Amino acid sequence: MMKQTYTVLIRKTKLEYVAICLELNVTARGRDLPETETNLKNAIEIYLQDVKEHPETVVSPISTEELIEFLADTEPDWVKERKFMRPLEVHEVPSYV
């Protein structure tokens, strides 16, 4: 069985890390990166099991509006202070599920 890979964004807020799977619009939180990755993997597994049990469930990726809201809500303070650019960090992360 071939494993499915998903695109994940993880952002650090003042209090925690927040992750979102773009293809499934599933989120998770954690105190650090390993916990956040584990929590997201578990959330994806639970979601996919629920979809399997309820085939009428519509699976859809995150909308552009929701993605913009996610990025705005998790924007670090140091980025807010910059007026000319708002960079996105890119990290290589393992495949989920």
N, C-alpha and C. Protein backbone atom coordinates (compact mmCIF):
# COMPACT_ATOMS: atom_id res chain seq x y z
N MET A 1 0.84 -1.18 0.00
CA MET A 1 0.00 0.00 0.00
C MET A 1 0.89 1.25 0.00
N MET A 2 0.65 2.15 -0.94
CA MET A 2 1.43 3.37 -1.05
C MET A 2 0.94 4.42 -0.06
N LYS A 3 1.88 5.05 0.62
CA LYS A 3 1.49 6.08 1.57
C LYS A 3 1.16 7.38 0.86
N GLN A 4 0.11 8.04 1.32
CA GLN A 4 -0.28 9.34 0.80
C GLN A 4 0.58 10.41 1.48
N THR A 5 1.00 11.40 0.74
CA THR A 5 1.74 12.51 1.35
C THR A 5 0.87 13.76 1.30
N TYR A 6 1.06 14.61 2.28
CA TYR A 6 0.27 15.83 2.40
C TYR A 6 1.19 17.03 2.60
N THR A 7 0.69 18.18 2.22
CA THR A 7 1.41 19.44 2.42
C THR A 7 0.98 20.02 3.75
N VAL A 8 1.97 20.34 4.58
CA VAL A 8 1.69 20.82 5.94
C VAL A 8 2.42 22.13 6.19
N LEU A 9 1.73 23.08 6.79
CA LEU A 9 2.36 24.30 7.27
C LEU A 9 2.37 24.26 8.79
N ILE A 10 3.51 24.60 9.37
CA ILE A 10 3.62 24.68 10.83
C ILE A 10 4.14 26.07 11.16
N ARG A 11 3.44 26.75 12.03
CA ARG A 11 3.84 28.10 12.45
C ARG A 11 3.99 28.12 13.96
N LYS A 12 4.94 28.91 14.43
CA LYS A 12 5.14 29.08 15.87
C LYS A 12 4.47 30.37 16.30
N THR A 13 3.57 30.27 17.27
CA THR A 13 2.96 31.45 17.86
C THR A 13 3.66 31.73 19.18
N LYS A 14 3.21 32.71 19.92
CA LYS A 14 3.83 33.02 21.21
C LYS A 14 3.77 31.84 22.18
N LEU A 15 2.67 31.11 22.14
CA LEU A 15 2.43 30.07 23.14
C LEU A 15 2.65 28.65 22.66
N GLU A 16 2.57 28.42 21.34
CA GLU A 16 2.58 27.05 20.85
C GLU A 16 2.91 27.01 19.37
N TYR A 17 2.97 25.79 18.85
CA TYR A 17 3.09 25.57 17.41
C TYR A 17 1.71 25.18 16.90
N VAL A 18 1.38 25.64 15.70
CA VAL A 18 0.10 25.32 15.08
C VAL A 18 0.40 24.77 13.69
N ALA A 19 -0.24 23.65 13.34
CA ALA A 19 -0.02 23.01 12.05
C ALA A 19 -1.34 22.83 11.32
N ILE A 20 -1.26 22.88 9.99
CA ILE A 20 -2.45 22.64 9.17
C ILE A 20 -2.06 21.82 7.95
N CYS A 21 -2.87 20.83 7.65
CA CYS A 21 -2.72 20.02 6.45
C CYS A 21 -3.56 20.69 5.36
N LEU A 22 -2.90 21.15 4.31
CA LEU A 22 -3.60 21.93 3.29
C LEU A 22 -4.62 21.13 2.51
N GLU A 23 -4.31 19.89 2.18
CA GLU A 23 -5.22 19.08 1.37
C GLU A 23 -6.49 18.67 2.11
N LEU A 24 -6.40 18.50 3.42
CA LEU A 24 -7.54 18.01 4.20
C LEU A 24 -8.17 19.08 5.09
N ASN A 25 -7.49 20.20 5.26
CA ASN A 25 -7.95 21.27 6.16
C ASN A 25 -8.12 20.74 7.58
N VAL A 26 -7.09 20.01 8.03
CA VAL A 26 -7.05 19.45 9.38
C VAL A 26 -5.94 20.18 10.13
N THR A 27 -6.22 20.55 11.38
CA THR A 27 -5.23 21.29 12.17
C THR A 27 -4.87 20.56 13.45
N ALA A 28 -3.73 20.97 14.02
CA ALA A 28 -3.29 20.44 15.32
C ALA A 28 -2.38 21.46 15.96
N ARG A 29 -2.18 21.31 17.25
CA ARG A 29 -1.32 22.20 18.03
C ARG A 29 -0.36 21.37 18.87
N GLY A 30 0.69 22.03 19.35
CA GLY A 30 1.62 21.36 20.25
C GLY A 30 2.59 22.34 20.88
N ARG A 31 3.26 21.89 21.94
CA ARG A 31 4.23 22.73 22.64
C ARG A 31 5.53 22.87 21.88
N ASP A 32 5.86 21.84 21.06
CA ASP A 32 7.09 21.87 20.27
C ASP A 32 6.82 21.17 18.94
N LEU A 33 7.81 21.19 18.05
CA LEU A 33 7.61 20.60 16.72
C LEU A 33 7.29 19.11 16.77
N PRO A 34 8.05 18.29 17.52
CA PRO A 34 7.71 16.86 17.55
C PRO A 34 6.28 16.59 18.04
N GLU A 35 5.85 17.29 19.08
CA GLU A 35 4.49 17.09 19.59
C GLU A 35 3.46 17.55 18.56
N THR A 36 3.74 18.66 17.90
CA THR A 36 2.82 19.18 16.89
C THR A 36 2.71 18.21 15.72
N GLU A 37 3.82 17.68 15.27
CA GLU A 37 3.80 16.71 14.17
C GLU A 37 3.03 15.45 14.56
N THR A 38 3.26 14.96 15.76
CA THR A 38 2.54 13.78 16.25
C THR A 38 1.05 14.06 16.33
N ASN A 39 0.69 15.21 16.88
CA ASN A 39 -0.72 15.56 17.01
C ASN A 39 -1.38 15.70 15.64
N LEU A 40 -0.68 16.27 14.66
CA LEU A 40 -1.25 16.40 13.33
C LEU A 40 -1.40 15.04 12.66
N LYS A 41 -0.39 14.21 12.80
CA LYS A 41 -0.48 12.86 12.23
C LYS A 41 -1.69 12.13 12.81
N ASN A 42 -1.88 12.21 14.12
CA ASN A 42 -3.03 11.56 14.76
C ASN A 42 -4.35 12.16 14.26
N ALA A 43 -4.40 13.48 14.13
CA ALA A 43 -5.62 14.14 13.66
C ALA A 43 -5.96 13.70 12.24
N ILE A 44 -4.94 13.59 11.38
CA ILE A 44 -5.16 13.14 10.01
C ILE A 44 -5.67 11.71 9.99
N GLU A 45 -5.06 10.84 10.79
CA GLU A 45 -5.50 9.44 10.84
C GLU A 45 -6.95 9.33 11.30
N ILE A 46 -7.32 10.07 12.33
CA ILE A 46 -8.70 10.05 12.84
C ILE A 46 -9.66 10.58 11.78
N TYR A 47 -9.26 11.68 11.13
CA TYR A 47 -10.11 12.26 10.09
C TYR A 47 -10.32 11.28 8.94
N LEU A 48 -9.25 10.66 8.46
CA LEU A 48 -9.37 9.72 7.35
C LEU A 48 -10.20 8.50 7.73
N GLN A 49 -10.08 8.04 8.97
CA GLN A 49 -10.91 6.92 9.44
C GLN A 49 -12.38 7.33 9.47
N ASP A 50 -12.65 8.55 9.91
CA ASP A 50 -14.02 9.06 9.94
C ASP A 50 -14.59 9.16 8.52
N VAL A 51 -13.76 9.62 7.58
CA VAL A 51 -14.19 9.71 6.18
C VAL A 51 -14.51 8.33 5.63
N LYS A 52 -13.69 7.34 6.00
CA LYS A 52 -13.91 5.97 5.53
C LYS A 52 -15.24 5.43 6.09
N GLU A 53 -15.53 5.75 7.35
CA GLU A 53 -16.76 5.27 7.99
C GLU A 53 -17.99 6.04 7.51
N HIS A 54 -17.77 7.26 7.03
CA HIS A 54 -18.88 8.12 6.57
C HIS A 54 -18.55 8.64 5.18
N PRO A 55 -18.74 7.80 4.15
CA PRO A 55 -18.33 8.18 2.79
C PRO A 55 -19.03 9.42 2.24
N GLU A 56 -20.11 9.83 2.87
CA GLU A 56 -20.79 11.04 2.42
C GLU A 56 -20.02 12.32 2.79
N THR A 57 -19.01 12.18 3.64
CA THR A 57 -18.19 13.33 4.05
C THR A 57 -17.46 13.90 2.84
N VAL A 58 -17.56 15.19 2.67
CA VAL A 58 -16.88 15.88 1.57
C VAL A 58 -15.51 16.32 2.06
N VAL A 59 -14.46 15.80 1.42
CA VAL A 59 -13.09 16.17 1.76
C VAL A 59 -12.67 17.29 0.83
N SER A 60 -12.26 18.40 1.41
CA SER A 60 -11.85 19.52 0.56
C SER A 60 -10.63 20.21 1.17
N PRO A 61 -9.78 20.74 0.32
CA PRO A 61 -8.58 21.44 0.81
C PRO A 61 -8.96 22.77 1.46
N ILE A 62 -8.01 23.33 2.15
CA ILE A 62 -8.22 24.63 2.77
C ILE A 62 -8.46 25.67 1.68
N SER A 63 -9.40 26.56 1.92
CA SER A 63 -9.67 27.62 0.95
C SER A 63 -8.61 28.71 1.07
N THR A 64 -8.49 29.51 0.06
CA THR A 64 -7.54 30.62 0.08
C THR A 64 -7.83 31.55 1.25
N GLU A 65 -9.10 31.85 1.49
CA GLU A 65 -9.48 32.74 2.58
C GLU A 65 -9.07 32.16 3.94
N GLU A 66 -9.30 30.85 4.12
CA GLU A 66 -8.93 30.21 5.38
C GLU A 66 -7.41 30.17 5.55
N LEU A 67 -6.68 29.95 4.46
CA LEU A 67 -5.22 29.93 4.53
C LEU A 67 -4.69 31.31 4.92
N ILE A 68 -5.23 32.35 4.32
CA ILE A 68 -4.81 33.72 4.67
C ILE A 68 -5.11 34.00 6.14
N GLU A 69 -6.27 33.57 6.61
CA GLU A 69 -6.62 33.75 8.03
C GLU A 69 -5.65 32.99 8.93
N PHE A 70 -5.32 31.74 8.57
CA PHE A 70 -4.37 30.94 9.34
C PHE A 70 -3.02 31.66 9.42
N LEU A 71 -2.53 32.13 8.29
CA LEU A 71 -1.23 32.81 8.25
C LEU A 71 -1.26 34.11 9.05
N ALA A 72 -2.36 34.85 8.98
CA ALA A 72 -2.47 36.10 9.73
C ALA A 72 -2.55 35.83 11.24
N ASP A 73 -3.32 34.80 11.62
CA ASP A 73 -3.49 34.49 13.04
C ASP A 73 -2.21 33.95 13.68
N THR A 74 -1.34 33.34 12.89
CA THR A 74 -0.13 32.73 13.43
C THR A 74 1.12 33.53 13.07
N GLU A 75 0.95 34.73 12.58
CA GLU A 75 2.09 35.55 12.16
C GLU A 75 2.92 35.97 13.38
N PRO A 76 4.22 35.69 13.35
CA PRO A 76 5.09 36.07 14.47
C PRO A 76 5.19 37.60 14.61
N ASP A 77 5.42 38.06 15.82
CA ASP A 77 5.53 39.49 16.08
C ASP A 77 6.65 40.14 15.27
N TRP A 78 7.79 39.42 15.12
CA TRP A 78 8.90 40.05 14.41
C TRP A 78 8.56 40.28 12.95
N VAL A 79 7.66 39.48 12.39
CA VAL A 79 7.25 39.68 11.00
C VAL A 79 6.30 40.87 10.93
N LYS A 80 5.43 41.01 11.91
CA LYS A 80 4.48 42.13 11.93
C LYS A 80 5.22 43.46 11.96
N GLU A 81 6.38 43.49 12.61
CA GLU A 81 7.14 44.73 12.73
C GLU A 81 7.82 45.13 11.43
N ARG A 82 8.07 44.18 10.53
CA ARG A 82 8.68 44.49 9.23
C ARG A 82 7.63 45.08 8.32
N LYS A 83 7.97 46.13 7.66
CA LYS A 83 6.97 46.79 6.82
C LYS A 83 7.14 46.47 5.34
N PHE A 84 8.28 45.97 4.94
CA PHE A 84 8.52 45.79 3.52
C PHE A 84 8.32 44.38 3.00
N MET A 85 8.48 43.36 3.84
CA MET A 85 8.31 41.97 3.39
C MET A 85 7.70 41.13 4.49
N ARG A 86 7.02 40.10 4.10
CA ARG A 86 6.48 39.13 5.05
C ARG A 86 6.91 37.75 4.59
N PRO A 87 8.08 37.30 5.02
CA PRO A 87 8.59 36.01 4.53
C PRO A 87 7.86 34.83 5.14
N LEU A 88 7.87 33.75 4.40
CA LEU A 88 7.36 32.48 4.91
C LEU A 88 8.55 31.56 5.09
N GLU A 89 8.62 30.89 6.20
CA GLU A 89 9.68 29.92 6.43
C GLU A 89 9.27 28.59 5.80
N VAL A 90 10.24 27.91 5.25
CA VAL A 90 9.98 26.60 4.66
C VAL A 90 10.89 25.60 5.34
N HIS A 91 10.29 24.54 5.87
CA HIS A 91 11.03 23.49 6.52
C HIS A 91 10.65 22.16 5.89
N GLU A 92 11.61 21.30 5.73
CA GLU A 92 11.31 19.96 5.23
C GLU A 92 10.77 19.15 6.40
N VAL A 93 9.62 18.54 6.21
CA VAL A 93 9.01 17.74 7.28
C VAL A 93 8.68 16.36 6.72
N PRO A 94 8.56 15.38 7.59
CA PRO A 94 8.25 14.03 7.13
C PRO A 94 6.84 13.94 6.54
N SER A 95 6.62 12.91 5.76
CA SER A 95 5.30 12.64 5.21
C SER A 95 4.38 12.16 6.32
N TYR A 96 3.10 12.49 6.19
CA TYR A 96 2.11 12.08 7.17
C TYR A 96 1.14 11.09 6.56
N VAL A 97 0.87 10.04 7.27
CA VAL A 97 -0.07 8.98 6.95
C VAL A 97 0.26 8.24 5.70
